[in-house]
């Protein structure tokens, strides 16, 4: 179970890092990178949620969702700190 929690945490970081970059590319009017990051974030989030729903029993699912959500928060922070060549 602990390996799953680590996977969900890291997937949460990745998912929201991609979402945050997606929003930043949208705000800079860069549609191609925005589409790519949107696609990738959707794949990650639905894969994790599918995995939580199908593989874990109900008592462990809520813990996995909380761990995933903590990763999402970390991904937002990383996405905001990452500077992919935007000019101010």
Protein backbone atom coordinates (compact mmCIF):
# COMPACT_ATOMS: atom_id res chain seq x y z
CA UNK A 1 0.00 0.00 0.00
CA UNK A 2 2.83 2.42 0.80
CA UNK A 3 4.19 2.12 -2.73
CA UNK A 4 0.76 3.07 -4.08
CA UNK A 5 0.68 6.13 -1.83
CA UNK A 6 4.09 7.25 -3.07
CA UNK A 7 2.89 6.72 -6.65
CA UNK A 8 -0.28 8.76 -6.02
CA UNK A 9 1.69 11.56 -4.36
CA UNK A 10 4.17 11.79 -7.24
CA UNK A 11 1.35 11.55 -9.79
CA UNK A 12 -0.43 14.41 -8.00
CA UNK A 13 2.70 16.54 -8.25
CA UNK A 14 3.06 15.73 -11.94
CA UNK A 15 -0.63 16.32 -12.68
CA UNK A 16 -0.83 19.77 -11.14
CA UNK A 17 2.58 20.78 -12.42
CA UNK A 18 1.22 20.08 -15.91
CA UNK A 19 -2.06 21.89 -15.17
CA UNK A 20 -0.25 24.94 -13.82
CA UNK A 21 1.99 25.10 -16.87
CA UNK A 22 -1.11 24.70 -19.04
CA UNK A 23 -2.72 27.74 -17.41
CA UNK A 24 0.48 29.73 -17.71
CA UNK A 25 0.73 28.94 -21.44
CA UNK A 26 -2.92 29.90 -21.86
CA UNK A 27 -2.29 33.22 -20.13
CA UNK A 28 0.66 33.85 -22.49
CA UNK A 29 -1.49 33.00 -25.54
CA UNK A 30 0.55 29.94 -26.53
CA UNK A 31 -2.09 27.44 -27.72
CA UNK A 32 0.08 24.51 -28.85
CA UNK A 33 1.94 24.02 -25.52
CA UNK A 34 -1.35 24.68 -23.66
CA UNK A 35 -3.08 21.88 -25.59
CA UNK A 36 -0.20 19.47 -25.01
CA UNK A 37 -0.07 20.14 -21.25
CA UNK A 38 -3.86 19.93 -20.97
CA UNK A 39 -3.83 16.53 -22.69
CA UNK A 40 -1.02 15.20 -20.50
CA UNK A 41 -2.62 16.46 -17.26
CA UNK A 42 -5.92 14.83 -18.18
CA UNK A 43 -4.22 11.50 -18.90
CA UNK A 44 -2.42 11.57 -15.53
CA UNK A 45 -5.47 12.58 -13.48
CA UNK A 46 -7.88 10.07 -15.02
CA UNK A 47 -5.33 7.27 -14.83
CA UNK A 48 -4.80 7.89 -11.11
CA UNK A 49 -8.50 8.21 -10.35
CA UNK A 50 -9.27 5.06 -12.32
CA UNK A 51 -6.54 3.24 -10.43
CA UNK A 52 -7.87 4.42 -7.05
CA UNK A 53 -11.43 3.40 -7.90
CA UNK A 54 -10.62 -0.02 -9.34
CA UNK A 55 -7.68 -1.24 -7.24
CA UNK A 56 -8.22 -0.03 -3.70
CA UNK A 57 -10.84 -0.97 -1.15
CA UNK A 58 -13.01 1.87 0.24
CA UNK A 59 -11.07 2.23 3.50
CA UNK A 60 -7.80 2.84 1.65
CA UNK A 61 -9.25 4.95 -1.16
CA UNK A 62 -9.79 8.05 0.98
CA UNK A 63 -6.18 7.94 2.19
CA UNK A 64 -4.99 7.61 -1.42
CA UNK A 65 -7.17 10.57 -2.46
CA UNK A 66 -5.75 12.70 0.37
CA UNK A 67 -2.17 11.76 -0.53
CA UNK A 68 -2.89 12.48 -4.21
CA UNK A 69 -4.35 15.86 -3.23
CA UNK A 70 -1.24 16.71 -1.21
CA UNK A 71 0.80 15.94 -4.30
CA UNK A 72 -1.47 18.20 -6.35
CA UNK A 73 -0.72 21.06 -3.96
CA UNK A 74 2.99 20.41 -4.31
CA UNK A 75 2.64 20.34 -8.08
CA UNK A 76 1.01 23.77 -8.04
CA UNK A 77 3.93 25.17 -6.07
CA UNK A 78 6.46 23.64 -8.47
CA UNK A 79 4.50 24.85 -11.49
CA UNK A 80 4.45 28.40 -10.15
CA UNK A 81 8.19 28.35 -9.41
CA UNK A 82 9.15 26.88 -12.80
CA UNK A 83 9.93 29.56 -15.40
CA UNK A 84 9.57 28.05 -18.91
CA UNK A 85 10.99 31.04 -20.75
CA UNK A 86 8.19 33.54 -20.12
CA UNK A 87 9.07 37.21 -20.35
CA UNK A 88 7.64 39.65 -17.83
